PDB file of all heavy atoms in Angstrom:
ATOM      1  N   HIS A   1       0.841  -1.183   0.000  1.00  0.00           N
ATOM      2  CA  HIS A   1       0.000   0.000   0.000  1.00  0.00           C
ATOM      3  C   HIS A   1       0.886   1.246   0.000  1.00  0.00           C
ATOM      4  O   HIS A   1       1.702   1.422   0.915  1.00  0.00           O
ATOM      5  CB  HIS A   1      -0.905   0.013   1.235  1.00  0.00           C
ATOM      6  CG  HIS A   1      -1.725  -1.237   1.386  1.00  0.00           C
ATOM      7  ND1 HIS A   1      -3.065  -1.281   1.088  1.00  0.00           N
ATOM      8  CD2 HIS A   1      -1.377  -2.494   1.795  1.00  0.00           C
ATOM      9  CE1 HIS A   1      -3.517  -2.505   1.304  1.00  0.00           C
ATOM     10  NE2 HIS A   1      -2.519  -3.259   1.737  1.00  0.00           N
ATOM     11  N   TYR A   2       0.739   2.060  -1.021  1.00  0.00           N
ATOM     12  CA  TYR A   2       1.562   3.271  -1.138  1.00  0.00           C
ATOM     13  C   TYR A   2       0.645   4.482  -1.317  1.00  0.00           C
ATOM     14  O   TYR A   2      -0.155   4.527  -2.244  1.00  0.00           O
ATOM     15  CB  TYR A   2       2.526   3.152  -2.321  1.00  0.00           C
ATOM     16  CG  TYR A   2       3.205   4.447  -2.713  1.00  0.00           C
ATOM     17  CD1 TYR A   2       3.615   5.376  -1.753  1.00  0.00           C
ATOM     18  CD2 TYR A   2       3.457   4.753  -4.045  1.00  0.00           C
ATOM     19  CE1 TYR A   2       4.232   6.559  -2.116  1.00  0.00           C
ATOM     20  CE2 TYR A   2       4.076   5.935  -4.413  1.00  0.00           C
ATOM     21  CZ  TYR A   2       4.446   6.838  -3.445  1.00  0.00           C
ATOM     22  OH  TYR A   2       5.048   8.017  -3.792  1.00  0.00           O
ATOM     23  N   SER A   3       0.761   5.446  -0.423  1.00  0.00           N
ATOM     24  CA  SER A   3      -0.017   6.678  -0.531  1.00  0.00           C
ATOM     25  C   SER A   3       0.923   7.873  -0.487  1.00  0.00           C
ATOM     26  O   SER A   3       1.997   7.814   0.125  1.00  0.00           O
ATOM     27  CB  SER A   3      -1.045   6.784   0.598  1.00  0.00           C
ATOM     28  OG  SER A   3      -0.409   6.849   1.859  1.00  0.00           O
ATOM     29  N   TYR A   4       0.523   8.965  -1.155  1.00  0.00           N
ATOM     30  CA  TYR A   4       1.329  10.176  -1.180  1.00  0.00           C
ATOM     31  C   TYR A   4       0.446  11.377  -0.913  1.00  0.00           C
ATOM     32  O   TYR A   4      -0.737  11.406  -1.261  1.00  0.00           O
ATOM     33  CB  TYR A   4       2.055  10.337  -2.522  1.00  0.00           C
ATOM     34  CG  TYR A   4       1.138  10.336  -3.725  1.00  0.00           C
ATOM     35  CD1 TYR A   4       0.521  11.509  -4.163  1.00  0.00           C
ATOM     36  CD2 TYR A   4       0.890   9.156  -4.413  1.00  0.00           C
ATOM     37  CE1 TYR A   4      -0.320  11.502  -5.259  1.00  0.00           C
ATOM     38  CE2 TYR A   4       0.037   9.140  -5.510  1.00  0.00           C
ATOM     39  CZ  TYR A   4      -0.562  10.319  -5.928  1.00  0.00           C
ATOM     40  OH  TYR A   4      -1.409  10.318  -7.012  1.00  0.00           O
ATOM     41  N   ASP A   5       1.030  12.379  -0.271  1.00  0.00           N
ATOM     42  CA  ASP A   5       0.347  13.643   0.023  1.00  0.00           C
ATOM     43  C   ASP A   5       1.338  14.752  -0.302  1.00  0.00           C
ATOM     44  O   ASP A   5       2.303  14.973   0.444  1.00  0.00           O
ATOM     45  CB  ASP A   5      -0.075  13.683   1.490  1.00  0.00           C
ATOM     46  CG  ASP A   5      -0.938  14.893   1.806  1.00  0.00           C
ATOM     47  OD1 ASP A   5      -1.477  15.504   0.863  1.00  0.00           O
ATOM     48  OD2 ASP A   5      -1.068  15.236   3.002  1.00  0.00           O
ATOM     49  N   ILE A   6       1.119  15.449  -1.421  1.00  0.00           N
ATOM     50  CA  ILE A   6       2.102  16.386  -1.963  1.00  0.00           C
ATOM     51  C   ILE A   6       1.656  17.819  -1.744  1.00  0.00           C
ATOM     52  O   ILE A   6       0.525  18.189  -2.069  1.00  0.00           O
ATOM     53  CB  ILE A   6       2.311  16.123  -3.468  1.00  0.00           C
ATOM     54  CG1 ILE A   6       2.866  14.713  -3.682  1.00  0.00           C
ATOM     55  CG2 ILE A   6       3.258  17.167  -4.068  1.00  0.00           C
ATOM     56  CD1 ILE A   6       2.951  14.308  -5.140  1.00  0.00           C
ATOM     57  N   HIS A   7       2.553  18.632  -1.192  1.00  0.00           N
ATOM     58  CA  HIS A   7       2.344  20.059  -1.016  1.00  0.00           C
ATOM     59  C   HIS A   7       3.491  20.802  -1.696  1.00  0.00           C
ATOM     60  O   HIS A   7       4.464  20.195  -2.138  1.00  0.00           O
ATOM     61  CB  HIS A   7       2.278  20.411   0.473  1.00  0.00           C
ATOM     62  CG  HIS A   7       1.218  19.657   1.218  1.00  0.00           C
ATOM     63  ND1 HIS A   7      -0.042  20.156   1.445  1.00  0.00           N
ATOM     64  CD2 HIS A   7       1.242  18.412   1.770  1.00  0.00           C
ATOM     65  CE1 HIS A   7      -0.754  19.275   2.113  1.00  0.00           C
ATOM     66  NE2 HIS A   7      -0.008  18.195   2.316  1.00  0.00           N
ATOM     67  N   ARG A   8       3.384  22.104  -1.773  1.00  0.00           N
ATOM     68  CA  ARG A   8       4.415  22.884  -2.458  1.00  0.00           C
ATOM     69  C   ARG A   8       5.788  22.709  -1.833  1.00  0.00           C
ATOM     70  O   ARG A   8       6.783  22.525  -2.535  1.00  0.00           O
ATOM     71  CB  ARG A   8       4.050  24.381  -2.441  1.00  0.00           C
ATOM     72  CG  ARG A   8       2.845  24.751  -3.287  1.00  0.00           C
ATOM     73  CD  ARG A   8       2.541  26.233  -3.165  1.00  0.00           C
ATOM     74  NE  ARG A   8       1.331  26.601  -3.886  1.00  0.00           N
ATOM     75  CZ  ARG A   8       1.300  26.916  -5.163  1.00  0.00           C
ATOM     76  NH1 ARG A   8       2.427  26.928  -5.850  1.00  0.00           N
ATOM     77  NH2 ARG A   8       0.166  27.232  -5.747  1.00  0.00           N
ATOM     78  N   ASP A   9       5.870  22.762  -0.508  1.00  0.00           N
ATOM     79  CA  ASP A   9       7.172  22.768   0.150  1.00  0.00           C
ATOM     80  C   ASP A   9       7.610  21.410   0.659  1.00  0.00           C
ATOM     81  O   ASP A   9       8.766  21.221   1.030  1.00  0.00           O
ATOM     82  CB  ASP A   9       7.180  23.771   1.314  1.00  0.00           C
ATOM     83  CG  ASP A   9       6.128  23.436   2.355  1.00  0.00           C
ATOM     84  OD1 ASP A   9       5.259  22.590   2.090  1.00  0.00           O
ATOM     85  OD2 ASP A   9       6.186  24.025   3.457  1.00  0.00           O
ATOM     86  N   HIS A  10       6.710  20.425   0.682  1.00  0.00           N
ATOM     87  CA  HIS A  10       7.091  19.104   1.151  1.00  0.00           C
ATOM     88  C   HIS A  10       6.078  18.066   0.661  1.00  0.00           C
ATOM     89  O   HIS A  10       4.986  18.418   0.201  1.00  0.00           O
ATOM     90  CB  HIS A  10       7.170  19.063   2.679  1.00  0.00           C
ATOM     91  CG  HIS A  10       5.833  19.028   3.349  1.00  0.00           C
ATOM     92  ND1 HIS A  10       5.011  20.140   3.435  1.00  0.00           N
ATOM     93  CD2 HIS A  10       5.143  18.004   3.930  1.00  0.00           C
ATOM     94  CE1 HIS A  10       3.890  19.813   4.057  1.00  0.00           C
ATOM     95  NE2 HIS A  10       3.936  18.535   4.368  1.00  0.00           N
ATOM     96  N   SER A  11       6.449  16.810   0.754  1.00  0.00           N
ATOM     97  CA  SER A  11       5.527  15.723   0.440  1.00  0.00           C
ATOM     98  C   SER A  11       5.759  14.587   1.415  1.00  0.00           C
ATOM     99  O   SER A  11       6.884  14.354   1.873  1.00  0.00           O
ATOM    100  CB  SER A  11       5.711  15.237  -1.007  1.00  0.00           C
ATOM    101  OG  SER A  11       7.041  14.825  -1.248  1.00  0.00           O
ATOM    102  N   VAL A  12       4.683  13.886   1.733  1.00  0.00           N
ATOM    103  CA  VAL A  12       4.728  12.770   2.677  1.00  0.00           C
ATOM    104  C   VAL A  12       4.292  11.505   1.947  1.00  0.00           C
ATOM    105  O   VAL A  12       3.254  11.491   1.269  1.00  0.00           O
ATOM    106  CB  VAL A  12       3.818  13.024   3.893  1.00  0.00           C
ATOM    107  CG1 VAL A  12       3.852  11.820   4.838  1.00  0.00           C
ATOM    108  CG2 VAL A  12       4.250  14.293   4.623  1.00  0.00           C
ATOM    109  N   HIS A  13       5.079  10.435   2.094  1.00  0.00           N
ATOM    110  CA  HIS A  13       4.828   9.177   1.411  1.00  0.00           C
ATOM    111  C   HIS A  13       4.793   8.057   2.437  1.00  0.00           C
ATOM    112  O   HIS A  13       5.719   7.932   3.248  1.00  0.00           O
ATOM    113  CB  HIS A  13       5.918   8.909   0.372  1.00  0.00           C
ATOM    114  CG  HIS A  13       6.152  10.061  -0.562  1.00  0.00           C
ATOM    115  ND1 HIS A  13       5.700  10.070  -1.856  1.00  0.00           N
ATOM    116  CD2 HIS A  13       6.786  11.259  -0.371  1.00  0.00           C
ATOM    117  CE1 HIS A  13       6.037  11.218  -2.426  1.00  0.00           C
ATOM    118  NE2 HIS A  13       6.697  11.951  -1.546  1.00  0.00           N
ATOM    119  N   VAL A  14       3.748   7.254   2.391  1.00  0.00           N
ATOM    120  CA  VAL A  14       3.594   6.147   3.341  1.00  0.00           C
ATOM    121  C   VAL A  14       3.554   4.841   2.556  1.00  0.00           C
ATOM    122  O   VAL A  14       2.743   4.676   1.643  1.00  0.00           O
ATOM    123  CB  VAL A  14       2.319   6.299   4.182  1.00  0.00           C
ATOM    124  CG1 VAL A  14       2.190   5.132   5.166  1.00  0.00           C
ATOM    125  CG2 VAL A  14       2.332   7.628   4.938  1.00  0.00           C
ATOM    126  N   ILE A  15       4.433   3.905   2.908  1.00  0.00           N
ATOM    127  CA  ILE A  15       4.533   2.608   2.243  1.00  0.00           C
ATOM    128  C   ILE A  15       4.339   1.518   3.292  1.00  0.00           C
ATOM    129  O   ILE A  15       5.071   1.463   4.277  1.00  0.00           O
ATOM    130  CB  ILE A  15       5.896   2.442   1.546  1.00  0.00           C
ATOM    131  CG1 ILE A  15       6.069   3.518   0.462  1.00  0.00           C
ATOM    132  CG2 ILE A  15       6.045   1.045   0.959  1.00  0.00           C
ATOM    133  CD1 ILE A  15       7.465   3.579  -0.122  1.00  0.00           C
ATOM    134  N   ARG A  16       3.358   0.660   3.073  1.00  0.00           N
ATOM    135  CA  ARG A  16       3.063  -0.399   4.043  1.00  0.00           C
ATOM    136  C   ARG A  16       2.930  -1.738   3.317  1.00  0.00           C
ATOM    137  O   ARG A  16       2.228  -1.840   2.308  1.00  0.00           O
ATOM    138  CB  ARG A  16       1.771  -0.094   4.803  1.00  0.00           C
ATOM    139  CG  ARG A  16       1.335  -1.209   5.764  1.00  0.00           C
ATOM    140  CD  ARG A  16       0.120  -0.800   6.572  1.00  0.00           C
ATOM    141  NE  ARG A  16      -1.033  -0.514   5.737  1.00  0.00           N
ATOM    142  CZ  ARG A  16      -1.880  -1.448   5.297  1.00  0.00           C
ATOM    143  NH1 ARG A  16      -1.675  -2.732   5.586  1.00  0.00           N
ATOM    144  NH2 ARG A  16      -2.915  -1.093   4.544  1.00  0.00           N
ATOM    145  N   ASP A  17       3.628  -2.758   3.820  1.00  0.00           N
ATOM    146  CA  ASP A  17       3.445  -4.105   3.288  1.00  0.00           C
ATOM    147  C   ASP A  17       2.575  -4.909   4.247  1.00  0.00           C
ATOM    148  O   ASP A  17       2.206  -4.432   5.325  1.00  0.00           O
ATOM    149  CB  ASP A  17       4.798  -4.783   3.043  1.00  0.00           C
ATOM    150  CG  ASP A  17       5.634  -4.917   4.314  1.00  0.00           C
ATOM    151  OD1 ASP A  17       5.168  -5.596   5.257  1.00  0.00           O
ATOM    152  OD2 ASP A  17       6.750  -4.360   4.368  1.00  0.00           O
ATOM    153  N   GLU A  18       2.233  -6.123   3.848  1.00  0.00           N
ATOM    154  CA  GLU A  18       1.368  -6.973   4.652  1.00  0.00           C
ATOM    155  C   GLU A  18       2.135  -8.120   5.284  1.00  0.00           C
ATOM    156  O   GLU A  18       1.557  -9.149   5.650  1.00  0.00           O
ATOM    157  CB  GLU A  18       0.212  -7.485   3.793  1.00  0.00           C
ATOM    158  CG  GLU A  18      -0.693  -6.363   3.282  1.00  0.00           C
ATOM    159  CD  GLU A  18      -1.828  -6.850   2.398  1.00  0.00           C
ATOM    160  OE1 GLU A  18      -1.807  -8.046   2.000  1.00  0.00           O
ATOM    161  OE2 GLU A  18      -2.742  -6.056   2.103  1.00  0.00           O
ATOM    162  N   GLY A  19       3.458  -7.929   5.410  1.00  0.00           N
ATOM    163  CA  GLY A  19       4.296  -8.934   6.043  1.00  0.00           C
ATOM    164  C   GLY A  19       4.391  -8.723   7.548  1.00  0.00           C
ATOM    165  O   GLY A  19       3.757  -7.831   8.118  1.00  0.00           O
ATOM    166  N   PRO A  20       5.230  -9.512   8.224  1.00  0.00           N
ATOM    167  CA  PRO A  20       5.337  -9.449   9.684  1.00  0.00           C
ATOM    168  C   PRO A  20       6.159  -8.276  10.193  1.00  0.00           C
ATOM    169  O   PRO A  20       6.188  -8.023  11.406  1.00  0.00           O
ATOM    170  CB  PRO A  20       6.001 -10.775  10.042  1.00  0.00           C
ATOM    171  CG  PRO A  20       6.826 -11.116   8.835  1.00  0.00           C
ATOM    172  CD  PRO A  20       6.030 -10.623   7.658  1.00  0.00           C
ATOM    173  N   GLY A  21       6.860  -7.555   9.319  1.00  0.00           N
ATOM    174  CA  GLY A  21       7.700  -6.441   9.763  1.00  0.00           C
ATOM    175  C   GLY A  21       9.136  -6.880   9.996  1.00  0.00           C
ATOM    176  O   GLY A  21       9.501  -8.030   9.789  1.00  0.00           O
ATOM    177  N   PHE A  22       9.984  -5.937  10.429  1.00  0.00           N
ATOM    178  CA  PHE A  22      11.395  -6.248  10.671  1.00  0.00           C
ATOM    179  C   PHE A  22      11.940  -5.305  11.741  1.00  0.00           C
ATOM    180  O   PHE A  22      11.282  -4.334  12.144  1.00  0.00           O
ATOM    181  CB  PHE A  22      12.197  -6.130   9.373  1.00  0.00           C
ATOM    182  CG  PHE A  22      12.593  -4.723   9.011  1.00  0.00           C
ATOM    183  CD1 PHE A  22      13.917  -4.325   9.030  1.00  0.00           C
ATOM    184  CD2 PHE A  22      11.631  -3.786   8.651  1.00  0.00           C
ATOM    185  CE1 PHE A  22      14.267  -3.027   8.699  1.00  0.00           C
ATOM    186  CE2 PHE A  22      11.973  -2.495   8.318  1.00  0.00           C
ATOM    187  CZ  PHE A  22      13.293  -2.111   8.346  1.00  0.00           C
ATOM    188  N   ASN A  23      13.136  -5.594  12.204  1.00  0.00           N
ATOM    189  CA  ASN A  23      13.760  -4.797  13.261  1.00  0.00           C
ATOM    190  C   ASN A  23      14.454  -3.592  12.641  1.00  0.00           C
ATOM    191  O   ASN A  23      15.634  -3.624  12.319  1.00  0.00           O
ATOM    192  CB  ASN A  23      14.758  -5.653  14.041  1.00  0.00           C
ATOM    193  CG  ASN A  23      15.364  -4.901  15.227  1.00  0.00           C
ATOM    194  OD1 ASN A  23      14.950  -3.783  15.547  1.00  0.00           O
ATOM    195  ND2 ASN A  23      16.340  -5.522  15.878  1.00  0.00           N
ATOM    196  N   TRP A  24      13.710  -2.506  12.469  1.00  0.00           N
ATOM    197  CA  TRP A  24      14.242  -1.327  11.816  1.00  0.00           C
ATOM    198  C   TRP A  24      15.179  -0.534  12.724  1.00  0.00           C
ATOM    199  O   TRP A  24      16.015   0.236  12.250  1.00  0.00           O
ATOM    200  CB  TRP A  24      13.098  -0.414  11.382  1.00  0.00           C
ATOM    201  CG  TRP A  24      12.105  -0.089  12.456  1.00  0.00           C
ATOM    202  CD1 TRP A  24      10.982  -0.794  12.764  1.00  0.00           C
ATOM    203  CD2 TRP A  24      12.156   1.004  13.383  1.00  0.00           C
ATOM    204  NE1 TRP A  24      10.316  -0.213  13.810  1.00  0.00           N
ATOM    205  CE2 TRP A  24      11.015   0.895  14.218  1.00  0.00           C
ATOM    206  CE3 TRP A  24      13.036   2.064  13.594  1.00  0.00           C
ATOM    207  CZ2 TRP A  24      10.752   1.808  15.231  1.00  0.00           C
ATOM    208  CZ3 TRP A  24      12.767   2.967  14.603  1.00  0.00           C
ATOM    209  CH2 TRP A  24      11.644   2.845  15.413  1.00  0.00           C
ATOM    210  N   ARG A  25      15.080  -0.725  14.035  1.00  0.00           N
ATOM    211  CA  ARG A  25      15.875   0.085  14.976  1.00  0.00           C
ATOM    212  C   ARG A  25      17.367  -0.133  14.796  1.00  0.00           C
ATOM    213  O   ARG A  25      18.158   0.807  14.852  1.00  0.00           O
ATOM    214  CB  ARG A  25      15.456  -0.235  16.405  1.00  0.00           C
ATOM    215  CG  ARG A  25      14.014   0.174  16.728  1.00  0.00           C
ATOM    216  CD  ARG A  25      13.570  -0.333  18.085  1.00  0.00           C
ATOM    217  NE  ARG A  25      12.177  -0.001  18.355  1.00  0.00           N
ATOM    218  CZ  ARG A  25      11.157  -0.723  17.917  1.00  0.00           C
ATOM    219  NH1 ARG A  25      11.380  -1.822  17.186  1.00  0.00           N
ATOM    220  NH2 ARG A  25       9.920  -0.365  18.200  1.00  0.00           N
ATOM    221  N   GLU A  26      17.770  -1.376  14.525  1.00  0.00           N
ATOM    222  CA  GLU A  26      19.202  -1.652  14.396  1.00  0.00           C
ATOM    223  C   GLU A  26      19.797  -0.978  13.171  1.00  0.00           C
ATOM    224  O   GLU A  26      20.972  -0.599  13.168  1.00  0.00           O
ATOM    225  CB  GLU A  26      19.447  -3.152  14.344  1.00  0.00           C
ATOM    226  CG  GLU A  26      18.890  -3.841  13.121  1.00  0.00           C
ATOM    227  CD  GLU A  26      19.131  -5.334  13.129  1.00  0.00           C
ATOM    228  OE1 GLU A  26      19.175  -5.928  14.225  1.00  0.00           O
ATOM    229  OE2 GLU A  26      19.299  -5.905  12.037  1.00  0.00           O
ATOM    230  N   HIS A  27      18.978  -0.780  12.127  1.00  0.00           N
ATOM    231  CA  HIS A  27      19.484  -0.112  10.930  1.00  0.00           C
ATOM    232  C   HIS A  27      19.555   1.398  11.123  1.00  0.00           C
ATOM    233  O   HIS A  27      20.493   2.056  10.661  1.00  0.00           O
ATOM    234  CB  HIS A  27      18.593  -0.448   9.728  1.00  0.00           C
ATOM    235  CG  HIS A  27      18.637  -1.882   9.343  1.00  0.00           C
ATOM    236  ND1 HIS A  27      19.749  -2.488   8.812  1.00  0.00           N
ATOM    237  CD2 HIS A  27      17.688  -2.855   9.433  1.00  0.00           C
ATOM    238  CE1 HIS A  27      19.493  -3.768   8.570  1.00  0.00           C
ATOM    239  NE2 HIS A  27      18.251  -4.012   8.939  1.00  0.00           N
ATOM    240  N   LEU A  28      18.582   1.971  11.800  1.00  0.00           N
ATOM    241  CA  LEU A  28      18.605   3.408  12.040  1.00  0.00           C
ATOM    242  C   LEU A  28      19.724   3.798  12.991  1.00  0.00           C
ATOM    243  O   LEU A  28      20.252   4.901  12.939  1.00  0.00           O
ATOM    244  CB  LEU A  28      17.265   3.876  12.610  1.00  0.00           C
ATOM    245  CG  LEU A  28      16.097   3.943  11.636  1.00  0.00           C
ATOM    246  CD1 LEU A  28      14.856   4.457  12.342  1.00  0.00           C
ATOM    247  CD2 LEU A  28      16.416   4.845  10.454  1.00  0.00           C
ATOM    248  N   GLN A  29      20.111   2.861  13.866  1.00  0.00           N
ATOM    249  CA  GLN A  29      21.167   3.151  14.824  1.00  0.00           C
ATOM    250  C   GLN A  29      22.555   2.943  14.236  1.00  0.00           C
ATOM    251  O   GLN A  29      23.550   3.340  14.831  1.00  0.00           O
ATOM    252  CB  GLN A  29      20.994   2.266  16.059  1.00  0.00           C
ATOM    253  CG  GLN A  29      19.746   2.596  16.873  1.00  0.00           C
ATOM    254  CD  GLN A  29      19.453   1.553  17.929  1.00  0.00           C
ATOM    255  OE1 GLN A  29      20.135   0.546  18.033  1.00  0.00           O
ATOM    256  NE2 GLN A  29      18.413   1.819  18.721  1.00  0.00           N
ATOM    257  N   ALA A  30      22.630   2.310  13.078  1.00  0.00           N
ATOM    258  CA  ALA A  30      23.928   2.067  12.458  1.00  0.00           C
ATOM    259  C   ALA A  30      24.558   3.371  12.008  1.00  0.00           C
ATOM    260  O   ALA A  30      23.889   4.355  11.720  1.00  0.00           O
ATOM    261  CB  ALA A  30      23.758   1.129  11.254  1.00  0.00           C
ATOM    262  N   GLY A  31      25.881   3.409  11.928  1.00  0.00           N
ATOM    263  CA  GLY A  31      26.592   4.616  11.524  1.00  0.00           C
ATOM    264  C   GLY A  31      26.395   4.930  10.063  1.00  0.00           C
ATOM    265  O   GLY A  31      26.003   4.080   9.273  1.00  0.00           O
ATOM    266  N   ASP A  32      26.675   6.173   9.683  1.00  0.00           N
ATOM    267  CA  ASP A  32      26.516   6.602   8.300  1.00  0.00           C
ATOM    268  C   ASP A  32      27.751   6.314   7.458  1.00  0.00           C
ATOM    269  O   ASP A  32      27.718   6.443   6.246  1.00  0.00           O
ATOM    270  CB  ASP A  32      26.232   8.106   8.253  1.00  0.00           C
ATOM    271  CG  ASP A  32      24.879   8.436   8.853  1.00  0.00           C
ATOM    272  OD1 ASP A  32      23.963   7.611   8.700  1.00  0.00           O
ATOM    273  OD2 ASP A  32      24.759   9.501   9.482  1.00  0.00           O
ATOM    274  N   ASP A  33      28.880   5.990   8.103  1.00  0.00           N
ATOM    275  CA  ASP A  33      30.122   5.803   7.373  1.00  0.00           C
ATOM    276  C   ASP A  33      30.156   4.427   6.711  1.00  0.00           C
ATOM    277  O   ASP A  33      29.476   3.493   7.112  1.00  0.00           O
ATOM    278  CB  ASP A  33      31.323   5.952   8.307  1.00  0.00           C
ATOM    279  CG  ASP A  33      31.384   7.351   8.915  1.00  0.00           C
ATOM    280  OD1 ASP A  33      30.907   8.286   8.241  1.00  0.00           O
ATOM    281  OD2 ASP A  33      31.881   7.491  10.045  1.00  0.00           O
ATOM    282  N   GLY A  34      31.020   4.309   5.706  1.00  0.00           N
ATOM    283  CA  GLY A  34      31.216   3.034   5.048  1.00  0.00           C
ATOM    284  C   GLY A  34      30.342   2.888   3.819  1.00  0.00           C
ATOM    285  O   GLY A  34      29.359   3.580   3.653  1.00  0.00           O
ATOM    286  N   PRO A  35      30.710   1.960   2.920  1.00  0.00           N
ATOM    287  CA  PRO A  35      29.962   1.772   1.681  1.00  0.00           C
ATOM    288  C   PRO A  35      28.605   1.126   1.943  1.00  0.00           C
ATOM    289  O   PRO A  35      28.383   0.444   2.944  1.00  0.00           O
ATOM    290  CB  PRO A  35      30.870   0.829   0.881  1.00  0.00           C
ATOM    291  CG  PRO A  35      31.622   0.063   1.929  1.00  0.00           C
ATOM    292  CD  PRO A  35      31.836   1.038   3.056  1.00  0.00           C
ATOM    293  N   LEU A  36      27.684   1.346   1.006  1.00  0.00           N
ATOM    294  CA  LEU A  36      26.371   0.734   1.108  1.00  0.00           C
ATOM    295  C   LEU A  36      26.471  -0.754   0.827  1.00  0.00           C
ATOM    296  O   LEU A  36      27.191  -1.189  -0.075  1.00  0.00           O
ATOM    297  CB  LEU A  36      25.404   1.363   0.104  1.00  0.00           C
ATOM    298  CG  LEU A  36      25.007   2.817   0.323  1.00  0.00           C
ATOM    299  CD1 LEU A  36      24.160   3.288  -0.844  1.00  0.00           C
ATOM    300  CD2 LEU A  36      24.261   3.000   1.621  1.00  0.00           C
ATOM    301  N   ASP A  37      25.774  -1.556   1.604  1.00  0.00           N
ATOM    302  CA  ASP A  37      25.664  -2.982   1.352  1.00  0.00           C
ATOM    303  C   ASP A  37      24.504  -3.198   0.390  1.00  0.00           C
ATOM    304  O   ASP A  37      23.346  -3.110   0.773  1.00  0.00           O
ATOM    305  CB  ASP A  37      25.421  -3.735   2.663  1.00  0.00           C
ATOM    306  CG  ASP A  37      25.387  -5.244   2.454  1.00  0.00           C
ATOM    307  OD1 ASP A  37      25.406  -5.682   1.283  1.00  0.00           O
ATOM    308  OD2 ASP A  37      25.340  -5.984   3.459  1.00  0.00           O
ATOM    309  N   LEU A  38      24.809  -3.488  -0.867  1.00  0.00           N
ATOM    310  CA  LEU A  38      23.773  -3.573  -1.892  1.00  0.00           C
ATOM    311  C   LEU A  38      22.842  -4.752  -1.691  1.00  0.00           C
ATOM    312  O   LEU A  38      21.774  -4.811  -2.300  1.00  0.00           O
ATOM    313  CB  LEU A  38      24.426  -3.655  -3.280  1.00  0.00           C
ATOM    314  CG  LEU A  38      25.281  -2.452  -3.669  1.00  0.00           C
ATOM    315  CD1 LEU A  38      25.840  -2.643  -5.066  1.00  0.00           C
ATOM    316  CD2 LEU A  38      24.502  -1.160  -3.576  1.00  0.00           C
ATOM    317  N   LEU A  39      23.226  -5.706  -0.869  1.00  0.00           N
ATOM    318  CA  LEU A  39      22.372  -6.861  -0.624  1.00  0.00           C
ATOM    319  C   LEU A  39      21.778  -6.851   0.772  1.00  0.00           C
ATOM    320  O   LEU A  39      21.134  -7.801   1.182  1.00  0.00           O
ATOM    321  CB  LEU A  39      23.172  -8.163  -0.824  1.00  0.00           C
ATOM    322  CG  LEU A  39      23.639  -8.433  -2.257  1.00  0.00           C
ATOM    323  CD1 LEU A  39      24.517  -9.675  -2.304  1.00  0.00           C
ATOM    324  CD2 LEU A  39      22.448  -8.614  -3.179  1.00  0.00           C
ATOM    325  N   ALA A  40      21.998  -5.766   1.503  1.00  0.00           N
ATOM    326  CA  ALA A  40      21.507  -5.711   2.881  1.00  0.00           C
ATOM    327  C   ALA A  40      19.990  -5.745   2.913  1.00  0.00           C
ATOM    328  O   ALA A  40      19.324  -5.094   2.121  1.00  0.00           O
ATOM    329  CB  ALA A  40      22.004  -4.452   3.574  1.00  0.00           C
ATOM    330  N   GLU A  41      19.448  -6.556   3.822  1.00  0.00           N
ATOM    331  CA  GLU A  41      18.000  -6.640   3.969  1.00  0.00           C
ATOM    332  C   GLU A  41      17.497  -5.378   4.650  1.00  0.00           C
ATOM    333  O   GLU A  41      17.748  -5.138   5.805  1.00  0.00           O
ATOM    334  CB  GLU A  41      17.624  -7.872   4.784  1.00  0.00           C
ATOM    335  CG  GLU A  41      16.124  -8.053   4.941  1.00  0.00           C
ATOM    336  CD  GLU A  41      15.779  -9.294   5.744  1.00  0.00           C
ATOM    337  OE1 GLU A  41      16.704 -10.031   6.091  1.00  0.00           O
ATOM    338  OE2 GLU A  41      14.591  -9.504   6.009  1.00  0.00           O
ATOM    339  N   ARG A  42      16.828  -4.534   3.883  1.00  0.00           N
ATOM    340  CA  ARG A  42      16.264  -3.272   4.364  1.00  0.00           C
ATOM    341  C   ARG A  42      17.313  -2.196   4.611  1.00  0.00           C
ATOM    342  O   ARG A  42      17.036  -1.032   4.482  1.00  0.00           O
ATOM    343  CB  ARG A  42      15.460  -3.482   5.665  1.00  0.00           C
ATOM    344  CG  ARG A  42      14.301  -4.438   5.531  1.00  0.00           C
ATOM    345  CD  ARG A  42      13.081  -3.738   5.012  1.00  0.00           C
ATOM    346  NE  ARG A  42      11.925  -4.621   5.064  1.00  0.00           N
ATOM    347  CZ  ARG A  42      10.671  -4.215   4.969  1.00  0.00           C
ATOM    348  NH1 ARG A  42      10.398  -2.946   4.813  1.00  0.00           N
ATOM    349  NH2 ARG A  42       9.677  -5.069   4.993  1.00  0.00           N
ATOM    350  N   GLY A  43      18.533  -2.551   4.973  1.00  0.00           N
ATOM    351  CA  GLY A  43      19.519  -1.550   5.369  1.00  0.00           C
ATOM    352  C   GLY A  43      19.857  -0.556   4.286  1.00  0.00           C
ATOM    353  O   GLY A  43      20.012   0.634   4.542  1.00  0.00           O
ATOM    354  N   ARG A  44      19.985  -1.013   3.030  1.00  0.00           N
ATOM    355  CA  ARG A  44      20.348  -0.111   1.938  1.00  0.00           C
ATOM    356  C   ARG A  44      19.264   0.943   1.743  1.00  0.00           C
ATOM    357  O   ARG A  44      19.557   2.119   1.531  1.00  0.00           O
ATOM    358  CB  ARG A  44      20.547  -0.904   0.646  1.00  0.00           C
ATOM    359  CG  ARG A  44      20.882  -0.036  -0.565  1.00  0.00           C
ATOM    360  CD  ARG A  44      21.173  -0.914  -1.775  1.00  0.00           C
ATOM    361  NE  ARG A  44      21.538  -0.095  -2.927  1.00  0.00           N
ATOM    362  CZ  ARG A  44      20.692   0.309  -3.858  1.00  0.00           C
ATOM    363  NH1 ARG A  44      19.415  -0.008  -3.757  1.00  0.00           N
ATOM    364  NH2 ARG A  44      21.104   1.028  -4.882  1.00  0.00           N
ATOM    365  N   GLY A  45      17.998   0.529   1.792  1.00  0.00           N
ATOM    366  CA  GLY A  45      16.909   1.480   1.622  1.00  0.00           C
ATOM    367  C   GLY A  45      16.925   2.560   2.681  1.00  0.00           C
ATOM    368  O   GLY A  45      16.706   3.739   2.397  1.00  0.00           O
TER     369      GLY A  45
END
């Protein structure tokens, strides 16, 4: 499910799947340094 709400100065996009979810906290807490892992599950996105 993908919805968008577009305004002049910003836009908000919501993407929802119907799966069980994943542990997003560990990816957000990871450092910004280093190359992107092109095969990382969710991490690259």
